[in-house]
């Protein structure tokens, strides 16, 4: 009698585990929040020739009173505002440069004489995009 009660108990356990396994395979309801993932292609750099690099290099007087020094090479430029450390931007066209994270963009050779520059950057404190214009002060 004892053996049959043990086999009955183990049969119940097997049935219970099978029922739980089937319950775990049910689909989630449509109201379950889903996370999103953004995928961005790696930035392709543009190769500048010596004249194009020279055209964007120099000192710029910014509309907000800052003074920025720009040094360009064939694939990137370094821009330093005041005494701050330079920020490296990758060339994506002859006139447009972007930081690898996309938070700073500089567009050169704008305006009637091609000596204006437009810089946009994300201000993390304000959570907004800031636009600053500039004119080439000297090379």
Protein backbone atom coordinates (compact mmCIF):
# COMPACT_ATOMS: atom_id res chain seq x y z
CA UNK A 1 0.00 0.00 0.00
CA UNK A 2 2.85 2.29 0.81
CA UNK A 3 4.44 1.73 -2.60
CA UNK A 4 1.28 2.64 -4.46
CA UNK A 5 0.88 5.91 -2.49
CA UNK A 6 4.47 6.86 -3.36
CA UNK A 7 3.93 6.15 -7.05
CA UNK A 8 0.67 8.13 -6.94
CA UNK A 9 2.48 11.11 -5.35
CA UNK A 10 5.24 11.04 -7.96
CA UNK A 11 2.66 10.85 -10.75
CA UNK A 12 0.98 13.97 -9.33
CA UNK A 13 4.30 15.78 -9.20
CA UNK A 14 5.00 14.93 -12.84
CA UNK A 15 1.56 16.18 -13.87
CA UNK A 16 2.01 19.40 -11.89
CA UNK A 17 5.43 20.09 -13.42
CA UNK A 18 4.02 19.46 -16.93
CA UNK A 19 1.16 21.88 -16.27
CA UNK A 20 3.57 24.57 -15.04
CA UNK A 21 5.79 24.12 -18.10
CA UNK A 22 2.79 24.56 -20.40
CA UNK A 23 1.67 27.69 -18.49
CA UNK A 24 5.15 29.21 -18.96
CA UNK A 25 4.84 28.99 -22.77
CA UNK A 26 1.83 31.29 -23.01
CA UNK A 27 2.21 34.53 -24.93
CA UNK A 28 2.50 37.81 -23.06
CA UNK A 29 -0.54 40.08 -23.21
CA UNK A 30 -0.46 42.97 -25.70
CA UNK A 31 -0.33 45.48 -22.84
CA UNK A 32 3.18 44.41 -21.80
CA UNK A 33 5.52 47.43 -22.18
CA UNK A 34 8.28 46.88 -24.69
CA UNK A 35 11.70 48.46 -24.81
CA UNK A 36 13.03 50.02 -28.00
CA UNK A 37 16.49 49.86 -29.50
CA UNK A 38 17.97 52.42 -31.87
CA UNK A 39 20.64 51.29 -34.27
CA UNK A 40 22.82 53.80 -36.11
CA UNK A 41 25.24 53.06 -38.89
CA UNK A 42 28.84 54.01 -38.18
CA UNK A 43 29.73 57.48 -39.38
CA UNK A 44 31.62 57.50 -42.66
CA UNK A 45 34.33 60.11 -42.79
CA UNK A 46 35.00 62.28 -45.79
CA UNK A 47 38.59 62.84 -46.91
CA UNK A 48 39.49 66.52 -47.28
CA UNK A 49 42.21 67.75 -49.58
CA UNK A 50 44.71 70.33 -48.35
CA UNK A 51 42.76 73.31 -49.74
CA UNK A 52 39.49 72.18 -48.11
CA UNK A 53 41.23 71.71 -44.75
CA UNK A 54 42.81 75.15 -45.03
CA UNK A 55 39.43 76.73 -45.93
CA UNK A 56 37.91 75.81 -42.54
CA UNK A 57 41.01 76.34 -40.37
CA UNK A 58 41.50 79.55 -38.41
CA UNK A 59 40.02 81.62 -35.58
CA UNK A 60 36.30 82.30 -35.41
CA UNK A 61 34.50 85.07 -33.51
CA UNK A 62 31.27 83.49 -32.28
CA UNK A 63 27.95 85.32 -31.97
CA UNK A 64 27.86 84.62 -28.23
CA UNK A 65 31.27 86.24 -27.61
CA UNK A 66 33.34 83.04 -27.61
CA UNK A 67 36.50 82.75 -29.71
CA UNK A 68 37.16 79.38 -31.32
CA UNK A 69 40.35 78.01 -32.88
CA UNK A 70 39.88 75.39 -35.61
CA UNK A 71 42.65 73.12 -36.93
CA UNK A 72 41.66 70.76 -39.74
CA UNK A 73 43.34 67.70 -41.22
CA UNK A 74 42.30 65.33 -44.00
CA UNK A 75 39.72 63.40 -41.91
CA UNK A 76 38.79 65.56 -38.91
CA UNK A 77 39.10 68.92 -37.24
CA UNK A 78 39.91 69.96 -33.70
CA UNK A 79 37.92 72.92 -32.38
CA UNK A 80 38.94 74.64 -29.13
CA UNK A 81 36.85 77.38 -27.54
CA UNK A 82 38.85 79.68 -25.28
CA UNK A 83 41.17 77.68 -23.06
CA UNK A 84 39.03 74.51 -23.15
CA UNK A 85 40.41 71.25 -24.50
CA UNK A 86 39.76 70.79 -28.22
CA UNK A 87 36.80 68.74 -29.42
CA UNK A 88 37.42 66.40 -32.35
CA UNK A 89 34.85 66.39 -35.15
CA UNK A 90 34.83 64.00 -38.10
CA UNK A 91 34.48 65.35 -41.66
CA UNK A 92 31.25 64.08 -43.28
CA UNK A 93 31.48 66.46 -46.28
CA UNK A 94 33.89 69.25 -47.30
CA UNK A 95 31.90 71.74 -45.21
CA UNK A 96 30.27 69.66 -42.45
CA UNK A 97 31.86 68.11 -39.36
CA UNK A 98 30.19 66.09 -36.59
CA UNK A 99 31.32 64.62 -33.27
CA UNK A 100 31.15 60.80 -33.16
CA UNK A 101 28.21 60.96 -30.72
CA UNK A 102 26.36 63.43 -32.97
CA UNK A 103 25.96 66.06 -30.25
CA UNK A 104 28.01 68.78 -32.01
CA UNK A 105 27.77 69.78 -35.67
CA UNK A 106 29.73 72.48 -37.49
CA UNK A 107 28.93 73.70 -41.00
CA UNK A 108 31.51 75.94 -42.68
CA UNK A 109 31.73 78.07 -45.83
CA UNK A 110 28.32 79.63 -45.31
CA UNK A 111 27.19 83.15 -46.05
CA UNK A 112 27.73 85.43 -49.02
CA UNK A 113 31.54 85.26 -48.79
CA UNK A 114 31.86 81.69 -47.47
CA UNK A 115 33.45 82.81 -44.21
CA UNK A 116 30.51 82.11 -41.90
CA UNK A 117 30.11 79.02 -39.75
CA UNK A 118 27.07 77.50 -38.03
CA UNK A 119 27.56 75.34 -34.93
CA UNK A 120 24.82 73.37 -33.21
CA UNK A 121 25.27 71.42 -30.01
CA UNK A 122 23.15 69.68 -27.39
CA UNK A 123 23.18 71.46 -24.02
CA UNK A 124 22.69 68.65 -21.46
CA UNK A 125 21.77 71.10 -18.69
CA UNK A 126 18.90 72.58 -20.67
CA UNK A 127 18.10 69.50 -22.71
CA UNK A 128 17.90 71.49 -25.94
CA UNK A 129 19.75 72.12 -29.17
CA UNK A 130 21.75 75.38 -29.20
CA UNK A 131 22.72 77.17 -32.42
CA UNK A 132 25.67 79.59 -32.58
CA UNK A 133 26.81 81.45 -35.69
CA UNK A 134 30.32 82.69 -36.32
CA UNK A 135 32.45 84.59 -38.78
CA UNK A 136 36.06 83.81 -39.64
CA UNK A 137 38.24 86.32 -37.78
CA UNK A 138 41.69 85.31 -39.10
CA UNK A 139 43.61 82.41 -40.53
